Amino acid sequence: MTTALLVTLAGLMGAGGVALAAASAHALPDAGLDSAGNILIFHAAALVGGAALLNADVIWRPLALIALFGLALGAFLFSGDVALRAYTGNRLFPMAAPTGGSILIASWLVLAAGGIAALLRGP
């Protein structure tokens, strides 16, 4: 069930990322939508890979879940704030994009910690 949710989020993120990349190229060039699209696309792929690692029991599950859902949250906050600003001039909330970026960085570090924990746990 958790893996299916992660894959669902990845699909939504990938679709949103492609839409923002297209909007950046055609509708609102120079509005930052290319960055928002890239964040979504790259992290969608990371969620798919992370879901596969979970299923293969390659990474310690508790930290992996925190990291993967953190990647989704951070990407949505960052990209959502950038897109909302580009289209409406408003923000999700003050500091939403930097908060999303910080969550992304922290989530990647938690993912690394999950890998280390799996290494220490052994076969």
Protein backbone atom coordinates (compact mmCIF):
# COMPACT_ATOMS: atom_id res chain seq x y z
CA MET A 1 0.00 0.00 0.00
CA THR A 2 2.78 2.46 0.91
CA THR A 3 4.69 1.62 -2.26
CA ALA A 4 1.56 2.24 -4.35
CA LEU A 5 1.11 5.64 -2.69
CA LEU A 6 4.72 6.56 -3.44
CA VAL A 7 4.32 5.51 -7.08
CA THR A 8 1.07 7.51 -7.30
CA LEU A 9 2.82 10.59 -5.93
CA ALA A 10 5.67 10.02 -8.38
CA GLY A 11 3.24 9.88 -11.29
CA LEU A 12 1.58 13.12 -10.23
CA MET A 13 4.94 14.78 -9.72
CA GLY A 14 6.22 13.62 -13.10
CA ALA A 15 3.11 14.84 -14.89
CA GLY A 16 3.23 18.17 -13.09
CA GLY A 17 6.92 18.52 -13.85
CA VAL A 18 6.41 17.99 -17.56
CA ALA A 19 3.50 20.46 -17.57
CA LEU A 20 5.62 23.10 -15.82
CA ALA A 21 8.54 22.50 -18.17
CA ALA A 22 6.20 22.98 -21.14
CA ALA A 23 4.74 26.12 -19.59
CA SER A 24 8.25 27.42 -19.06
CA ALA A 25 9.09 26.85 -22.71
CA HIS A 26 5.84 28.20 -24.18
CA ALA A 27 3.64 30.19 -21.82
CA LEU A 28 5.77 31.84 -19.15
CA PRO A 29 9.44 31.83 -20.10
CA ASP A 30 11.80 33.26 -17.48
CA ALA A 31 9.26 32.74 -14.68
CA GLY A 32 11.24 29.99 -12.95
CA LEU A 33 8.89 27.23 -14.02
CA ASP A 34 11.77 25.26 -15.52
CA SER A 35 13.29 24.91 -12.05
CA ALA A 36 9.95 23.89 -10.57
CA GLY A 37 9.43 21.34 -13.34
CA ASN A 38 12.91 19.89 -12.96
CA ILE A 39 12.51 19.50 -9.19
CA LEU A 40 9.28 17.56 -9.72
CA ILE A 41 10.59 15.35 -12.51
CA PHE A 42 13.87 14.45 -10.78
CA HIS A 43 12.19 13.73 -7.47
CA ALA A 44 9.45 11.70 -9.15
CA ALA A 45 12.19 9.41 -10.45
CA ALA A 46 13.71 9.30 -6.97
CA LEU A 47 10.36 8.18 -5.51
CA VAL A 48 10.05 5.38 -8.05
CA GLY A 49 13.60 4.25 -7.26
CA GLY A 50 13.00 4.55 -3.55
CA ALA A 51 9.83 2.47 -3.80
CA ALA A 52 11.84 -0.22 -5.58
CA LEU A 53 14.50 -0.11 -2.85
CA LEU A 54 11.81 -0.51 -0.21
CA ASN A 55 10.37 -3.55 -1.97
CA ALA A 56 13.83 -5.08 -2.31
CA ASP A 57 14.53 -4.42 1.39
CA VAL A 58 17.75 -2.63 0.42
CA ILE A 59 17.21 0.34 2.72
CA TRP A 60 16.02 0.56 6.31
CA ARG A 61 12.26 1.04 5.97
CA PRO A 62 11.55 3.60 8.73
CA LEU A 63 14.13 6.10 7.50
CA ALA A 64 13.33 5.38 3.85
CA LEU A 65 9.67 6.24 4.38
CA ILE A 66 10.54 9.50 6.14
CA ALA A 67 12.97 10.38 3.35
CA LEU A 68 10.67 9.49 0.46
CA PHE A 69 7.62 11.27 1.80
CA GLY A 70 9.89 14.20 2.66
CA LEU A 71 11.11 14.29 -0.95
CA ALA A 72 7.50 14.45 -2.14
CA LEU A 73 6.54 17.15 0.36
CA GLY A 74 9.62 19.25 -0.35
CA ALA A 75 9.16 19.01 -4.11
CA PHE A 76 5.49 19.95 -3.88
CA LEU A 77 6.23 22.93 -1.62
CA PHE A 78 9.09 24.23 -3.73
CA SER A 79 7.42 23.72 -7.10
CA GLY A 80 3.97 24.72 -5.92
CA ASP A 81 5.24 28.01 -4.53
CA VAL A 82 7.25 28.82 -7.67
CA ALA A 83 4.31 27.95 -9.95
CA LEU A 84 1.77 29.86 -7.88
CA ARG A 85 4.02 32.93 -7.90
CA ALA A 86 4.50 32.66 -11.67
CA TYR A 87 0.79 32.39 -12.41
CA THR A 88 -0.82 34.56 -9.72
CA GLY A 89 1.90 36.60 -8.06
CA ASN A 90 0.97 34.99 -4.72
CA ARG A 91 2.84 32.47 -2.58
CA LEU A 92 1.70 29.29 -0.86
CA PHE A 93 2.95 30.84 2.37
CA PRO A 94 5.98 32.96 3.28
CA MET A 95 9.22 31.02 2.71
CA ALA A 96 7.41 28.04 1.13
CA ALA A 97 9.99 27.50 -1.64
CA PRO A 98 13.02 27.71 0.69
CA THR A 99 11.23 25.48 3.19
CA GLY A 100 10.58 22.94 0.43
CA GLY A 101 14.22 23.10 -0.63
CA SER A 102 15.40 22.59 2.94
CA ILE A 103 13.07 19.60 3.33
CA LEU A 104 14.52 18.16 0.11
CA ILE A 105 18.09 18.48 1.38
CA ALA A 106 17.17 16.97 4.74
CA SER A 107 15.27 14.13 3.05
CA TRP A 108 18.27 13.19 0.92
CA LEU A 109 20.38 13.07 4.08
CA VAL A 110 17.78 10.88 5.80
CA LEU A 111 17.82 8.59 2.77
CA ALA A 112 21.60 8.31 3.13
CA ALA A 113 21.15 7.50 6.81
CA GLY A 114 18.65 4.78 5.86
CA GLY A 115 21.26 3.25 3.57
CA ILE A 116 23.89 3.39 6.29
CA ALA A 117 21.47 1.79 8.75
CA ALA A 118 20.83 -1.02 6.26
CA LEU A 119 24.58 -1.51 5.84
CA LEU A 120 25.08 -1.74 9.59
CA ARG A 121 22.13 -4.09 9.96
CA GLY A 122 23.80 -6.54 7.60
CA PRO A 123 22.29 -9.23 5.35
